[in-house]
Amino acid sequence: MDVIAAIEGSVNTIGYGLAAIGPGIGVALVFAAYIQASARQPESAGYNRTWLVLGFALVEALALFGLVLAFAV
């Protein structure tokens, strides 16, 4: 029996690519909320920047967990 097509490579890379979609959308939402808040009240931009960095770090941690799990399996 001849093999017409064979799938080679790791399925983990496909899984990580799909897992990176969520943090990508999350980062976009965090920055969009910061820009909108700063546009509405420019005097609170310094206060909101703290929450921007915290939100960005938490969302990016999800992407890093996905990367680690892609190599761990």
C-alpha atoms as a PDB file:
ATOM      1  CA  MET A   1       0.000   0.000   0.000  1.00  0.00           C
ATOM      2  CA  ASP A   2       1.449   3.331  -1.029  1.00  0.00           C
ATOM      3  CA  VAL A   3       1.282   6.358   1.210  1.00  0.00           C
ATOM      4  CA  ILE A   4       0.051   9.314  -0.804  1.00  0.00           C
ATOM      5  CA  ALA A   5       0.663  11.989   1.820  1.00  0.00           C
ATOM      6  CA  ALA A   6       2.274  11.866   5.220  1.00  0.00           C
ATOM      7  CA  ILE A   7       2.002  14.347   8.023  1.00  0.00           C
ATOM      8  CA  GLU A   8       5.395  15.086   9.462  1.00  0.00           C
ATOM      9  CA  GLY A   9       6.377  17.333  12.302  1.00  0.00           C
ATOM     10  CA  SER A  10       5.028  17.994  15.720  1.00  0.00           C
ATOM     11  CA  VAL A  11       1.388  18.562  16.474  1.00  0.00           C
ATOM     12  CA  ASN A  12       2.537  20.621  19.484  1.00  0.00           C
ATOM     13  CA  THR A  13       3.385  23.536  17.211  1.00  0.00           C
ATOM     14  CA  ILE A  14      -0.160  23.593  15.873  1.00  0.00           C
ATOM     15  CA  GLY A  15      -1.491  23.465  19.430  1.00  0.00           C
ATOM     16  CA  TYR A  16       0.713  26.347  20.516  1.00  0.00           C
ATOM     17  CA  GLY A  17      -0.340  28.363  17.495  1.00  0.00           C
ATOM     18  CA  LEU A  18      -3.962  27.896  18.473  1.00  0.00           C
ATOM     19  CA  ALA A  19      -3.177  28.616  22.131  1.00  0.00           C
ATOM     20  CA  ALA A  20      -1.492  31.903  21.191  1.00  0.00           C
ATOM     21  CA  ILE A  21      -4.708  33.278  19.709  1.00  0.00           C
ATOM     22  CA  GLY A  22      -6.267  33.855  23.139  1.00  0.00           C
ATOM     23  CA  PRO A  23      -3.388  35.870  24.624  1.00  0.00           C
ATOM     24  CA  GLY A  24      -3.110  37.808  21.362  1.00  0.00           C
ATOM     25  CA  ILE A  25      -6.716  38.904  21.636  1.00  0.00           C
ATOM     26  CA  GLY A  26      -6.243  39.566  25.357  1.00  0.00           C
ATOM     27  CA  VAL A  27      -3.280  41.878  24.768  1.00  0.00           C
ATOM     28  CA  ALA A  28      -5.264  43.754  22.136  1.00  0.00           C
ATOM     29  CA  LEU A  29      -8.168  44.234  24.559  1.00  0.00           C
ATOM     30  CA  VAL A  30      -5.870  45.434  27.366  1.00  0.00           C
ATOM     31  CA  PHE A  31      -4.207  48.053  25.188  1.00  0.00           C
ATOM     32  CA  ALA A  32      -7.525  49.103  23.629  1.00  0.00           C
ATOM     33  CA  ALA A  33      -8.994  49.674  27.093  1.00  0.00           C
ATOM     34  CA  TYR A  34      -5.945  51.725  28.119  1.00  0.00           C
ATOM     35  CA  ILE A  35      -6.132  53.899  25.009  1.00  0.00           C
ATOM     36  CA  GLN A  36      -9.849  54.445  25.463  1.00  0.00           C
ATOM     37  CA  ALA A  37      -9.462  55.319  29.163  1.00  0.00           C
ATOM     38  CA  SER A  38      -6.614  57.727  28.423  1.00  0.00           C
ATOM     39  CA  ALA A  39      -8.598  59.368  25.655  1.00  0.00           C
ATOM     40  CA  ARG A  40     -11.588  59.922  27.947  1.00  0.00           C
ATOM     41  CA  GLN A  41      -9.580  61.184  30.921  1.00  0.00           C
ATOM     42  CA  PRO A  42      -6.010  62.133  29.997  1.00  0.00           C
ATOM     43  CA  GLU A  43      -5.154  63.096  33.576  1.00  0.00           C
ATOM     44  CA  SER A  44      -5.571  59.487  34.720  1.00  0.00           C
ATOM     45  CA  ALA A  45      -3.125  58.041  32.166  1.00  0.00           C
ATOM     46  CA  GLY A  46      -0.388  57.581  34.782  1.00  0.00           C
ATOM     47  CA  TYR A  47      -2.698  55.687  37.111  1.00  0.00           C
ATOM     48  CA  ASN A  48      -4.048  53.540  34.291  1.00  0.00           C
ATOM     49  CA  ARG A  49      -0.543  52.698  33.078  1.00  0.00           C
ATOM     50  CA  THR A  50      -0.045  50.582  36.211  1.00  0.00           C
ATOM     51  CA  TRP A  51      -3.080  48.491  35.327  1.00  0.00           C
ATOM     52  CA  LEU A  52      -1.902  48.312  31.716  1.00  0.00           C
ATOM     53  CA  VAL A  53       1.399  46.720  32.713  1.00  0.00           C
ATOM     54  CA  LEU A  54      -0.282  44.350  35.169  1.00  0.00           C
ATOM     55  CA  GLY A  55      -2.871  43.223  32.628  1.00  0.00           C
ATOM     56  CA  PHE A  56      -0.246  42.797  29.923  1.00  0.00           C
ATOM     57  CA  ALA A  57       1.953  40.685  32.201  1.00  0.00           C
ATOM     58  CA  LEU A  58      -0.909  38.416  33.241  1.00  0.00           C
ATOM     59  CA  VAL A  59      -2.090  37.853  29.682  1.00  0.00           C
ATOM     60  CA  GLU A  60       1.430  37.220  28.393  1.00  0.00           C
ATOM     61  CA  ALA A  61       1.940  34.650  31.152  1.00  0.00           C
ATOM     62  CA  LEU A  62      -0.747  32.553  29.470  1.00  0.00           C
ATOM     63  CA  ALA A  63       1.194  32.606  26.218  1.00  0.00           C
ATOM     64  CA  LEU A  64       4.376  31.593  28.004  1.00  0.00           C
ATOM     65  CA  PHE A  65       2.591  28.707  29.717  1.00  0.00           C
ATOM     66  CA  GLY A  66       1.383  27.535  26.315  1.00  0.00           C
ATOM     67  CA  LEU A  67       4.922  27.722  24.945  1.00  0.00           C
ATOM     68  CA  VAL A  68       6.324  25.713  27.854  1.00  0.00           C
ATOM     69  CA  LEU A  69       3.610  23.081  27.538  1.00  0.00           C
ATOM     70  CA  ALA A  70       4.247  22.779  23.798  1.00  0.00           C
ATOM     71  CA  PHE A  71       7.814  21.694  24.551  1.00  0.00           C
ATOM     72  CA  ALA A  72       6.968  19.643  27.643  1.00  0.00           C
ATOM     73  CA  VAL A  73       4.655  17.167  25.954  1.00  0.00           C
END
